């Protein structure tokens, strides 16, 4: 390896890979520190994104469960109202049949 020194920048090691020059930052290099900080920031954002995504999916599952319960409750209430309405119609028609039967007997 050779050492490359520039007037404006820090000292960097160079390595040759297939004839290409690759600059490898040394420890304490501001560019390296920035890259490490950016990587840490991206890792932190990835973790936060995963956490928020999991929380959103959990909330959506909870909302779905609650909507299913609400739908079941509404269907049960409608069925109960239908039964009461049918029961009310059959009981209201029975007295009218009885009263018509009683009135026909009275006329005889």
PDB file of N, CA and C in Angstrom:
ATOM      1  N   UNK A   1       0.842  -1.169   0.000  1.00  0.00           N
ATOM      2  CA  UNK A   1       0.000   0.000   0.000  1.00  0.00           C
ATOM      3  C   UNK A   1       0.890   1.235   0.000  1.00  0.00           C
ATOM      4  N   UNK A   2       0.385   2.225  -0.635  1.00  0.00           N
ATOM      5  CA  UNK A   2       1.110   3.496  -0.626  1.00  0.00           C
ATOM      6  C   UNK A   2       0.289   4.507   0.136  1.00  0.00           C
ATOM      7  N   UNK A   3       0.901   5.605   0.481  1.00  0.00           N
ATOM      8  CA  UNK A   3       0.187   6.619   1.237  1.00  0.00           C
ATOM      9  C   UNK A   3      -0.005   7.832   0.357  1.00  0.00           C
ATOM     10  N   UNK A   4      -1.248   8.358   0.361  1.00  0.00           N
ATOM     11  CA  UNK A   4      -1.590   9.497  -0.461  1.00  0.00           C
ATOM     12  C   UNK A   4      -1.872  10.667   0.463  1.00  0.00           C
ATOM     13  N   UNK A   5      -1.182  11.788   0.233  1.00  0.00           N
ATOM     14  CA  UNK A   5      -1.387  12.956   1.063  1.00  0.00           C
ATOM     15  C   UNK A   5      -1.804  14.107   0.164  1.00  0.00           C
ATOM     16  N   UNK A   6      -2.889  14.776   0.567  1.00  0.00           N
ATOM     17  CA  UNK A   6      -3.320  15.962  -0.164  1.00  0.00           C
ATOM     18  C   UNK A   6      -3.159  17.156   0.733  1.00  0.00           C
ATOM     19  N   UNK A   7      -3.048  18.307   0.140  1.00  0.00           N
ATOM     20  CA  UNK A   7      -2.854  19.508   0.941  1.00  0.00           C
ATOM     21  C   UNK A   7      -4.121  19.876   1.698  1.00  0.00           C
ATOM     22  N   UNK A   8      -5.297  19.574   1.139  1.00  0.00           N
ATOM     23  CA  UNK A   8      -6.545  19.990   1.756  1.00  0.00           C
ATOM     24  C   UNK A   8      -7.207  18.901   2.577  1.00  0.00           C
ATOM     25  N   UNK A   9      -6.831  17.659   2.407  1.00  0.00           N
ATOM     26  CA  UNK A   9      -7.532  16.591   3.082  1.00  0.00           C
ATOM     27  C   UNK A   9      -6.617  15.761   3.944  1.00  0.00           C
ATOM     28  N   UNK A  10      -7.203  14.802   4.655  1.00  0.00           N
ATOM     29  CA  UNK A  10      -6.421  13.939   5.543  1.00  0.00           C
ATOM     30  C   UNK A  10      -5.678  12.875   4.749  1.00  0.00           C
ATOM     31  N   UNK A  11      -4.789  12.208   5.443  1.00  0.00           N
ATOM     32  CA  UNK A  11      -4.032  11.126   4.831  1.00  0.00           C
ATOM     33  C   UNK A  11      -4.931   9.909   4.698  1.00  0.00           C
ATOM     34  N   UNK A  12      -4.864   9.241   3.520  1.00  0.00           N
ATOM     35  CA  UNK A  12      -5.682   8.061   3.272  1.00  0.00           C
ATOM     36  C   UNK A  12      -4.802   6.972   2.692  1.00  0.00           C
ATOM     37  N   UNK A  13      -5.128   5.736   3.032  1.00  0.00           N
ATOM     38  CA  UNK A  13      -4.444   4.602   2.429  1.00  0.00           C
ATOM     39  C   UNK A  13      -5.095   4.317   1.093  1.00  0.00           C
ATOM     40  N   UNK A  14      -4.315   3.878   0.133  1.00  0.00           N
ATOM     41  CA  UNK A  14      -4.863   3.494  -1.162  1.00  0.00           C
ATOM     42  C   UNK A  14      -4.600   2.019  -1.359  1.00  0.00           C
ATOM     43  N   UNK A  15      -5.509   1.383  -2.029  1.00  0.00           N
ATOM     44  CA  UNK A  15      -5.342  -0.027  -2.351  1.00  0.00           C
ATOM     45  C   UNK A  15      -5.692  -0.197  -3.814  1.00  0.00           C
ATOM     46  N   UNK A  16      -5.061  -1.110  -4.454  1.00  0.00           N
ATOM     47  CA  UNK A  16      -5.322  -1.341  -5.867  1.00  0.00           C
ATOM     48  C   UNK A  16      -6.149  -2.613  -5.998  1.00  0.00           C
ATOM     49  N   UNK A  17      -7.281  -2.479  -6.655  1.00  0.00           N
ATOM     50  CA  UNK A  17      -8.158  -3.615  -6.883  1.00  0.00           C
ATOM     51  C   UNK A  17      -8.454  -3.643  -8.365  1.00  0.00           C
ATOM     52  N   UNK A  18      -7.903  -4.617  -9.059  1.00  0.00           N
ATOM     53  CA  UNK A  18      -8.047  -4.714 -10.512  1.00  0.00           C
ATOM     54  C   UNK A  18      -7.567  -3.437 -11.207  1.00  0.00           C
ATOM     55  N   UNK A  19      -6.538  -2.836 -10.695  1.00  0.00           N
ATOM     56  CA  UNK A  19      -5.985  -1.639 -11.308  1.00  0.00           C
ATOM     57  C   UNK A  19      -6.678  -0.361 -10.889  1.00  0.00           C
ATOM     58  N   UNK A  20      -7.820  -0.458 -10.184  1.00  0.00           N
ATOM     59  CA  UNK A  20      -8.525   0.738  -9.724  1.00  0.00           C
ATOM     60  C   UNK A  20      -7.963   1.163  -8.381  1.00  0.00           C
ATOM     61  N   UNK A  21      -7.913   2.442  -8.176  1.00  0.00           N
ATOM     62  CA  UNK A  21      -7.452   2.954  -6.890  1.00  0.00           C
ATOM     63  C   UNK A  21      -8.672   3.128  -5.985  1.00  0.00           C
ATOM     64  N   UNK A  22      -8.608   2.526  -4.823  1.00  0.00           N
ATOM     65  CA  UNK A  22      -9.688   2.614  -3.846  1.00  0.00           C
ATOM     66  C   UNK A  22      -9.149   3.350  -2.637  1.00  0.00           C
ATOM     67  N   UNK A  23      -9.821   4.436  -2.269  1.00  0.00           N
ATOM     68  CA  UNK A  23      -9.409   5.188  -1.091  1.00  0.00           C
ATOM     69  C   UNK A  23     -10.107   4.612   0.134  1.00  0.00           C
ATOM     70  N   UNK A  24      -9.342   4.303   1.154  1.00  0.00           N
ATOM     71  CA  UNK A  24      -9.893   3.772   2.389  1.00  0.00           C
ATOM     72  C   UNK A  24      -9.618   4.770   3.498  1.00  0.00           C
ATOM     73  N   UNK A  25     -10.678   5.372   4.065  1.00  0.00           N
ATOM     74  CA  UNK A  25     -10.454   6.380   5.102  1.00  0.00           C
ATOM     75  C   UNK A  25      -9.829   5.762   6.348  1.00  0.00           C
ATOM     76  N   UNK A  26      -8.970   6.536   6.967  1.00  0.00           N
ATOM     77  CA  UNK A  26      -8.334   6.082   8.195  1.00  0.00           C
ATOM     78  C   UNK A  26      -9.198   6.465   9.390  1.00  0.00           C
ATOM     79  N   UNK A  27      -8.904   5.861  10.531  1.00  0.00           N
ATOM     80  CA  UNK A  27      -9.635   6.138  11.772  1.00  0.00           C
ATOM     81  C   UNK A  27      -9.491   7.614  12.128  1.00  0.00           C
ATOM     82  N   UNK A  28     -10.603   8.240  12.555  1.00  0.00           N
ATOM     83  CA  UNK A  28     -10.566   9.642  12.948  1.00  0.00           C
ATOM     84  C   UNK A  28     -10.821  10.580  11.780  1.00  0.00           C
ATOM     85  N   UNK A  29     -11.037  10.027  10.610  1.00  0.00           N
ATOM     86  CA  UNK A  29     -11.316  10.835   9.424  1.00  0.00           C
ATOM     87  C   UNK A  29     -12.736  11.400   9.524  1.00  0.00           C
ATOM     88  N   UNK A  30     -12.935  12.706   9.316  1.00  0.00           N
ATOM     89  CA  UNK A  30     -14.279  13.285   9.407  1.00  0.00           C
ATOM     90  C   UNK A  30     -15.284  12.653   8.437  1.00  0.00           C
ATOM     91  N   UNK A  31     -14.830  12.277   7.253  1.00  0.00           N
ATOM     92  CA  UNK A  31     -15.732  11.635   6.290  1.00  0.00           C
ATOM     93  C   UNK A  31     -16.161  10.266   6.799  1.00  0.00           C
ATOM     94  N   UNK A  32     -15.234   9.562   7.404  1.00  0.00           N
ATOM     95  CA  UNK A  32     -15.541   8.242   7.968  1.00  0.00           C
ATOM     96  C   UNK A  32     -16.508   8.392   9.135  1.00  0.00           C
ATOM     97  N   UNK A  33     -16.268   9.374   9.985  1.00  0.00           N
ATOM     98  CA  UNK A  33     -17.152   9.609  11.125  1.00  0.00           C
ATOM     99  C   UNK A  33     -18.558   9.972  10.650  1.00  0.00           C
ATOM    100  N   UNK A  34     -18.623  10.783   9.598  1.00  0.00           N
ATOM    101  CA  UNK A  34     -19.918  11.153   9.034  1.00  0.00           C
ATOM    102  C   UNK A  34     -20.636   9.925   8.473  1.00  0.00           C
ATOM    103  N   UNK A  35     -19.894   9.076   7.781  1.00  0.00           N
ATOM    104  CA  UNK A  35     -20.486   7.861   7.229  1.00  0.00           C
ATOM    105  C   UNK A  35     -21.019   6.959   8.335  1.00  0.00           C
ATOM    106  N   UNK A  36     -20.265   6.860   9.423  1.00  0.00           N
ATOM    107  CA  UNK A  36     -20.701   6.039  10.561  1.00  0.00           C
ATOM    108  C   UNK A  36     -21.964   6.632  11.176  1.00  0.00           C
ATOM    109  N   UNK A  37     -21.980   7.956  11.336  1.00  0.00           N
ATOM    110  CA  UNK A  37     -23.161   8.612  11.901  1.00  0.00           C
ATOM    111  C   UNK A  37     -24.380   8.432  11.011  1.00  0.00           C
ATOM    112  N   UNK A  38     -24.187   8.549   9.700  1.00  0.00           N
ATOM    113  CA  UNK A  38     -25.304   8.364   8.764  1.00  0.00           C
ATOM    114  C   UNK A  38     -25.806   6.921   8.831  1.00  0.00           C
ATOM    115  N   UNK A  39     -24.879   5.967   8.904  1.00  0.00           N
ATOM    116  CA  UNK A  39     -25.290   4.558   9.027  1.00  0.00           C
ATOM    117  C   UNK A  39     -26.075   4.323  10.311  1.00  0.00           C
ATOM    118  N   UNK A  40     -25.620   4.908  11.401  1.00  0.00           N
ATOM    119  CA  UNK A  40     -26.331   4.761  12.675  1.00  0.00           C
ATOM    120  C   UNK A  40     -27.709   5.407  12.605  1.00  0.00           C
ATOM    121  N   UNK A  41     -27.776   6.573  11.959  1.00  0.00           N
ATOM    122  CA  UNK A  41     -29.055   7.255  11.794  1.00  0.00           C
ATOM    123  C   UNK A  41     -30.016   6.415  10.963  1.00  0.00           C
ATOM    124  N   UNK A  42     -29.513   5.865   9.875  1.00  0.00           N
ATOM    125  CA  UNK A  42     -30.364   5.016   9.025  1.00  0.00           C
ATOM    126  C   UNK A  42     -30.810   3.758   9.761  1.00  0.00           C
ATOM    127  N   UNK A  43     -29.914   3.173  10.545  1.00  0.00           N
ATOM    128  CA  UNK A  43     -30.289   2.000  11.343  1.00  0.00           C
ATOM    129  C   UNK A  43     -31.378   2.359  12.352  1.00  0.00           C
ATOM    130  N   UNK A  44     -31.210   3.512  13.003  1.00  0.00           N
ATOM    131  CA  UNK A  44     -32.217   3.967  13.966  1.00  0.00           C
ATOM    132  C   UNK A  44     -33.559   4.222  13.297  1.00  0.00           C
ATOM    133  N   UNK A  45     -33.524   4.849  12.121  1.00  0.00           N
ATOM    134  CA  UNK A  45     -34.771   5.103  11.390  1.00  0.00           C
ATOM    135  C   UNK A  45     -35.430   3.801  10.949  1.00  0.00           C
ATOM    136  N   UNK A  46     -34.619   2.838  10.555  1.00  0.00           N
ATOM    137  CA  UNK A  46     -35.161   1.539  10.156  1.00  0.00           C
ATOM    138  C   UNK A  46     -35.870   0.869  11.325  1.00  0.00           C
ATOM    139  N   UNK A  47     -35.254   0.929  12.501  1.00  0.00           N
ATOM    140  CA  UNK A  47     -35.861   0.337  13.698  1.00  0.00           C
ATOM    141  C   UNK A  47     -37.165   1.058  14.034  1.00  0.00           C
ATOM    142  N   UNK A  48     -37.133   2.406  13.993  1.00  0.00           N
ATOM    143  CA  UNK A  48     -38.344   3.175  14.292  1.00  0.00           C
ATOM    144  C   UNK A  48     -39.437   2.890  13.282  1.00  0.00           C
ATOM    145  N   UNK A  49     -39.069   2.804  12.008  1.00  0.00           N
ATOM    146  CA  UNK A  49     -40.052   2.504  10.965  1.00  0.00           C
ATOM    147  C   UNK A  49     -40.675   1.139  11.194  1.00  0.00           C
ATOM    148  N   UNK A  50     -39.855   0.164  11.523  1.00  0.00           N
ATOM    149  CA  UNK A  50     -40.369  -1.179  11.796  1.00  0.00           C
ATOM    150  C   UNK A  50     -41.308  -1.174  12.997  1.00  0.00           C
ATOM    151  N   UNK A  51     -40.938  -0.436  14.042  1.00  0.00           N
ATOM    152  CA  UNK A  51     -41.765  -0.344  15.238  1.00  0.00           C
ATOM    153  C   UNK A  51     -43.099   0.317  14.932  1.00  0.00           C
ATOM    154  N   UNK A  52     -43.049   1.442  14.206  1.00  0.00           N
ATOM    155  CA  UNK A  52     -44.281   2.156  13.862  1.00  0.00           C
ATOM    156  C   UNK A  52     -45.148   1.293  12.953  1.00  0.00           C
ATOM    157  N   UNK A  53     -44.536   0.605  12.004  1.00  0.00           N
ATOM    158  CA  UNK A  53     -45.300  -0.274  11.117  1.00  0.00           C
ATOM    159  C   UNK A  53     -46.009  -1.370  11.909  1.00  0.00           C
ATOM    160  N   UNK A  54     -45.298  -1.960  12.847  1.00  0.00           N
ATOM    161  CA  UNK A  54     -45.901  -3.010  13.677  1.00  0.00           C
ATOM    162  C   UNK A  54     -47.052  -2.448  14.499  1.00  0.00           C
ATOM    163  N   UNK A  55     -46.873  -1.237  15.033  1.00  0.00           N
ATOM    164  CA  UNK A  55     -47.944  -0.613  15.818  1.00  0.00           C
ATOM    165  C   UNK A  55     -49.159  -0.303  14.940  1.00  0.00           C
ATOM    166  N   UNK A  56     -48.913   0.176  13.739  1.00  0.00           N
ATOM    167  CA  UNK A  56     -50.025   0.483  12.825  1.00  0.00           C
ATOM    168  C   UNK A  56     -50.788  -0.789  12.475  1.00  0.00           C
ATOM    169  N   UNK A  57     -50.061  -1.854  12.166  1.00  0.00           N
ATOM    170  CA  UNK A  57     -50.737  -3.119  11.842  1.00  0.00           C
ATOM    171  C   UNK A  57     -51.510  -3.646  13.045  1.00  0.00           C
ATOM    172  N   UNK A  58     -50.966  -3.478  14.240  1.00  0.00           N
ATOM    173  CA  UNK A  58     -51.683  -3.917  15.448  1.00  0.00           C
ATOM    174  C   UNK A  58     -52.964  -3.107  15.624  1.00  0.00           C
ATOM    175  N   UNK A  59     -52.886  -1.789  15.402  1.00  0.00           N
ATOM    176  CA  UNK A  59     -54.079  -0.941  15.513  1.00  0.00           C
ATOM    177  C   UNK A  59     -55.106  -1.316  14.451  1.00  0.00           C
ATOM    178  N   UNK A  60     -54.648  -1.608  13.238  1.00  0.00           N
ATOM    179  CA  UNK A  60     -55.571  -1.997  12.177  1.00  0.00           C
ATOM    180  C   UNK A  60     -56.251  -3.325  12.500  1.00  0.00           C
ATOM    181  N   UNK A  61     -55.494  -4.262  13.064  1.00  0.00           N
ATOM    182  CA  UNK A  61     -56.087  -5.540  13.474  1.00  0.00           C
ATOM    183  C   UNK A  61     -57.130  -5.320  14.570  1.00  0.00           C
ATOM    184  N   UNK A  62     -56.828  -4.447  15.519  1.00  0.00           N
ATOM    185  CA  UNK A  62     -57.769  -4.142  16.593  1.00  0.00           C
ATOM    186  C   UNK A  62     -59.030  -3.493  16.025  1.00  0.00           C
ATOM    187  N   UNK A  63     -58.853  -2.548  15.104  1.00  0.00           N
ATOM    188  CA  UNK A  63     -60.021  -1.893  14.487  1.00  0.00           C
ATOM    189  C   UNK A  63     -60.851  -2.906  13.708  1.00  0.00           C
ATOM    190  N   UNK A  64     -60.199  -3.813  13.014  1.00  0.00           N
ATOM    191  CA  UNK A  64     -60.910  -4.844  12.266  1.00  0.00           C
ATOM    192  C   UNK A  64     -61.715  -5.738  13.200  1.00  0.00           C
ATOM    193  N   UNK A  65     -61.103  -6.122  14.327  1.00  0.00           N
ATOM    194  CA  UNK A  65     -61.796  -6.966  15.301  1.00  0.00           C
ATOM    195  C   UNK A  65     -63.003  -6.231  15.880  1.00  0.00           C
ATOM    196  N   UNK A  66     -62.820  -4.954  16.191  1.00  0.00           N
ATOM    197  CA  UNK A  66     -63.924  -4.173  16.756  1.00  0.00           C
ATOM    198  C   UNK A  66     -65.046  -3.988  15.741  1.00  0.00           C
ATOM    199  N   UNK A  67     -64.686  -3.775  14.478  1.00  0.00           N
ATOM    200  CA  UNK A  67     -65.709  -3.643  13.436  1.00  0.00           C
ATOM    201  C   UNK A  67     -66.472  -4.953  13.247  1.00  0.00           C
ATOM    202  N   UNK A  68     -65.754  -6.072  13.303  1.00  0.00           N
ATOM    203  CA  UNK A  68     -66.419  -7.375  13.205  1.00  0.00           C
ATOM    204  C   UNK A  68     -67.396  -7.566  14.364  1.00  0.00           C
ATOM    205  N   UNK A  69     -66.978  -7.184  15.565  1.00  0.00           N
ATOM    206  CA  UNK A  69     -67.877  -7.288  16.729  1.00  0.00           C
ATOM    207  C   UNK A  69     -69.087  -6.380  16.569  1.00  0.00           C
ATOM    208  N   UNK A  70     -68.876  -5.172  16.080  1.00  0.00           N
ATOM    209  CA  UNK A  70     -69.974  -4.234  15.868  1.00  0.00           C
ATOM    210  C   UNK A  70     -70.943  -4.774  14.818  1.00  0.00           C
ATOM    211  N   UNK A  71     -70.396  -5.318  13.742  1.00  0.00           N
ATOM    212  CA  UNK A  71     -71.249  -5.889  12.694  1.00  0.00           C
ATOM    213  C   UNK A  71     -72.078  -7.052  13.237  1.00  0.00           C
ATOM    214  N   UNK A  72     -71.452  -7.911  14.024  1.00  0.00           N
ATOM    215  CA  UNK A  72     -72.175  -9.034  14.622  1.00  0.00           C
ATOM    216  C   UNK A  72     -73.278  -8.545  15.543  1.00  0.00           C
ATOM    217  N   UNK A  73     -72.979  -7.516  16.313  1.00  0.00           N
ATOM    218  CA  UNK A  73     -73.964  -6.951  17.227  1.00  0.00           C
ATOM    219  C   UNK A  73     -75.147  -6.361  16.464  1.00  0.00           C
ATOM    220  N   UNK A  74     -74.866  -5.654  15.379  1.00  0.00           N
ATOM    221  CA  UNK A  74     -75.936  -5.058  14.574  1.00  0.00           C
ATOM    222  C   UNK A  74     -76.796  -6.137  13.936  1.00  0.00           C
ATOM    223  N   UNK A  75     -76.164  -7.177  13.403  1.00  0.00           N
ATOM    224  CA  UNK A  75     -76.922  -8.273  12.787  1.00  0.00           C
ATOM    225  C   UNK A  75     -77.800  -8.958  13.829  1.00  0.00           C
ATOM    226  N   UNK A  76     -77.266  -9.191  15.031  1.00  0.00           N
ATOM    227  CA  UNK A  76     -78.049  -9.833  16.090  1.00  0.00           C
ATOM    228  C   UNK A  76     -79.221  -8.946  16.508  1.00  0.00           C
ATOM    229  N   UNK A  77     -78.978  -7.643  16.591  1.00  0.00           N
ATOM    230  CA  UNK A  77     -80.044  -6.723  16.976  1.00  0.00           C
ATOM    231  C   UNK A  77     -81.131  -6.676  15.896  1.00  0.00           C
ATOM    232  N   UNK A  78     -80.726  -6.673  14.635  1.00  0.00           N
ATOM    233  CA  UNK A  78     -81.721  -6.680  13.550  1.00  0.00           C
ATOM    234  C   UNK A  78     -82.531  -7.970  13.561  1.00  0.00           C
ATOM    235  N   UNK A  79     -81.871  -9.095  13.826  1.00  0.00           N
ATOM    236  CA  UNK A  79     -82.583 -10.370  13.889  1.00  0.00           C
ATOM    237  C   UNK A  79     -83.582 -10.360  15.041  1.00  0.00           C
ATOM    238  N   UNK A  80     -83.180  -9.794  16.174  1.00  0.00           N
ATOM    239  CA  UNK A  80     -84.074  -9.719  17.324  1.00  0.00           C
ATOM    240  C   UNK A  80     -85.268  -8.821  17.009  1.00  0.00           C
ATOM    241  N   UNK A  81     -85.025  -7.700  16.351  1.00  0.00           N
ATOM    242  CA  UNK A  81     -86.125  -6.807  15.981  1.00  0.00           C
ATOM    243  C   UNK A  81     -87.064  -7.478  14.981  1.00  0.00           C
ATOM    244  N   UNK A  82     -86.523  -8.239  14.058  1.00  0.00           N
ATOM    245  CA  UNK A  82     -87.354  -8.962  13.091  1.00  0.00           C
ATOM    246  C   UNK A  82     -88.218 -10.006  13.790  1.00  0.00           C
ATOM    247  N   UNK A  83     -87.632 -10.705  14.761  1.00  0.00           N
ATOM    248  CA  UNK A  83     -88.404 -11.696  15.507  1.00  0.00           C
ATOM    249  C   UNK A  83     -89.514 -11.032  16.307  1.00  0.00           C
ATOM    250  N   UNK A  84     -89.206  -9.899  16.915  1.00  0.00           N
ATOM    251  CA  UNK A  84     -90.226  -9.181  17.675  1.00  0.00           C
ATOM    252  C   UNK A  84     -91.322  -8.673  16.749  1.00  0.00           C
ATOM    253  N   UNK A  85     -90.944  -8.205  15.586  1.00  0.00           N
ATOM    254  CA  UNK A  85     -91.939  -7.707  14.636  1.00  0.00           C
ATOM    255  C   UNK A  85     -92.821  -8.858  14.147  1.00  0.00           C
ATOM    256  N   UNK A  86     -92.221  -9.998  13.861  1.00  0.00           N
ATOM    257  CA  UNK A  86     -92.998 -11.163  13.428  1.00  0.00           C
ATOM    258  C   UNK A  86     -93.884 -11.657  14.564  1.00  0.00           C
ATOM    259  N   UNK A  87     -93.355 -11.658  15.779  1.00  0.00           N
ATOM    260  CA  UNK A  87     -94.140 -12.067  16.935  1.00  0.00           C
ATOM    261  C   UNK A  87     -95.278 -11.106  17.173  1.00  0.00           C
ATOM    262  N   UNK A  88     -95.058  -9.834  16.964  1.00  0.00           N
ATOM    263  CA  UNK A  88     -96.097  -8.825  17.128  1.00  0.00           C
ATOM    264  C   UNK A  88     -97.173  -8.960  16.068  1.00  0.00           C
ATOM    265  N   UNK A  89     -96.790  -9.295  14.855  1.00  0.00           N
ATOM    266  CA  UNK A  89     -97.771  -9.458  13.776  1.00  0.00           C
ATOM    267  C   UNK A  89     -98.616 -10.699  14.000  1.00  0.00           C
ATOM    268  N   UNK A  90     -97.978 -11.789  14.409  1.00  0.00           N
ATOM    269  CA  UNK A  90     -98.757 -13.017  14.608  1.00  0.00           C
ATOM    270  C   UNK A  90     -99.673 -12.878  15.819  1.00  0.00           C
ATOM    271  N   UNK A  91     -99.245 -12.199  16.863  1.00  0.00           N
ATOM    272  CA  UNK A  91    -100.109 -12.031  18.024  1.00  0.00           C
ATOM    273  C   UNK A  91    -101.208 -11.018  17.726  1.00  0.00           C
ATOM    274  N   UNK A  92    -100.940 -10.034  16.894  1.00  0.00           N
ATOM    275  CA  UNK A  92    -101.982  -9.062  16.565  1.00  0.00           C
ATOM    276  C   UNK A  92    -102.990  -9.653  15.589  1.00  0.00           C
ATOM    277  N   UNK A  93    -102.558 -10.600  14.756  1.00  0.00           N
ATOM    278  CA  UNK A  93    -103.515 -11.232  13.835  1.00  0.00           C
ATOM    279  C   UNK A  93    -104.353 -12.277  14.555  1.00  0.00           C
ATOM    280  N   UNK A  94    -103.816 -12.911  15.570  1.00  0.00           N
ATOM    281  CA  UNK A  94    -104.587 -13.908  16.292  1.00  0.00           C
ATOM    282  C   UNK A  94    -105.784 -13.301  17.009  1.00  0.00           C
ATOM    283  N   UNK A  95    -105.637 -12.192  17.726  1.00  0.00           N
ATOM    284  CA  UNK A  95    -106.822 -11.622  18.368  1.00  0.00           C
ATOM    285  C   UNK A  95    -107.872 -11.187  17.347  1.00  0.00           C
ATOM    286  N   UNK A  96    -107.444 -10.691  16.222  1.00  0.00           N
ATOM    287  CA  UNK A  96    -108.436 -10.273  15.235  1.00  0.00           C
ATOM    288  C   UNK A  96    -109.166 -11.483  14.680  1.00  0.00           C
ATOM    289  N   UNK A  97    -108.479 -12.605  14.555  1.00  0.00           N
ATOM    290  CA  UNK A  97    -109.144 -13.825  14.122  1.00  0.00           C
ATOM    291  C   UNK A  97    -110.126 -14.278  15.203  1.00  0.00           C
ATOM    292  N   UNK A  98    -109.681 -14.193  16.462  1.00  0.00           N
ATOM    293  CA  UNK A  98    -110.558 -14.592  17.550  1.00  0.00           C
ATOM    294  C   UNK A  98    -111.761 -13.669  17.629  1.00  0.00           C
ATOM    295  N   UNK A  99    -111.515 -12.397  17.476  1.00  0.00           N
ATOM    296  CA  UNK A  99    -112.642 -11.470  17.571  1.00  0.00           C
ATOM    297  C   UNK A  99    -113.603 -11.652  16.394  1.00  0.00           C
ATOM    298  N   UNK A 100    -113.065 -11.971  15.218  1.00  0.00           N
ATOM    299  CA  UNK A 100    -113.965 -12.220  14.081  1.00  0.00           C
ATOM    300  C   UNK A 100    -114.710 -13.525  14.287  1.00  0.00           C
ATOM    301  N   UNK A 101    -114.046 -14.489  14.892  1.00  0.00           N
ATOM    302  CA  UNK A 101    -114.708 -15.778  15.182  1.00  0.00           C
ATOM    303  C   UNK A 101    -115.792 -15.568  16.244  1.00  0.00           C
ATOM    304  N   UNK A 102    -115.485 -14.758  17.265  1.00  0.00           N
ATOM    305  CA  UNK A 102    -116.453 -14.479  18.315  1.00  0.00           C
ATOM    306  C   UNK A 102    -117.639 -13.692  17.757  1.00  0.00           C
ATOM    307  N   UNK A 103    -117.374 -12.753  16.899  1.00  0.00           N
ATOM    308  CA  UNK A 103    -118.481 -11.954  16.334  1.00  0.00           C
ATOM    309  C   UNK A 103    -119.359 -12.810  15.413  1.00  0.00           C
ATOM    310  N   UNK A 104    -118.755 -13.795  14.738  1.00  0.00           N
ATOM    311  CA  UNK A 104    -119.583 -14.662  13.884  1.00  0.00           C
ATOM    312  C   UNK A 104    -120.454 -15.580  14.747  1.00  0.00           C
ATOM    313  N   UNK A 105    -119.953 -15.972  15.914  1.00  0.00           N
ATOM    314  CA  UNK A 105    -120.742 -16.805  16.804  1.00  0.00           C
ATOM    315  C   UNK A 105    -121.878 -16.007  17.436  1.00  0.00           C
ATOM    316  N   UNK A 106    -121.627 -14.762  17.700  1.00  0.00           N
ATOM    317  CA  UNK A 106    -122.641 -13.923  18.304  1.00  0.00           C
ATOM    318  C   UNK A 106    -123.789 -13.674  17.323  1.00  0.00           C
ATOM    319  N   UNK A 107    -123.490 -13.600  16.078  1.00  0.00           N
ATOM    320  CA  UNK A 107    -124.532 -13.351  15.095  1.00  0.00           C
ATOM    321  C   UNK A 107    -125.393 -14.576  14.887  1.00  0.00           C
ATOM    322  N   UNK A 108    -124.932 -15.764  15.206  1.00  0.00           N
ATOM    323  CA  UNK A 108    -125.703 -16.987  15.043  1.00  0.00           C
ATOM    324  C   UNK A 108    -126.682 -17.108  16.118  1.00  0.00           C
TER     325      UNK A 108
END
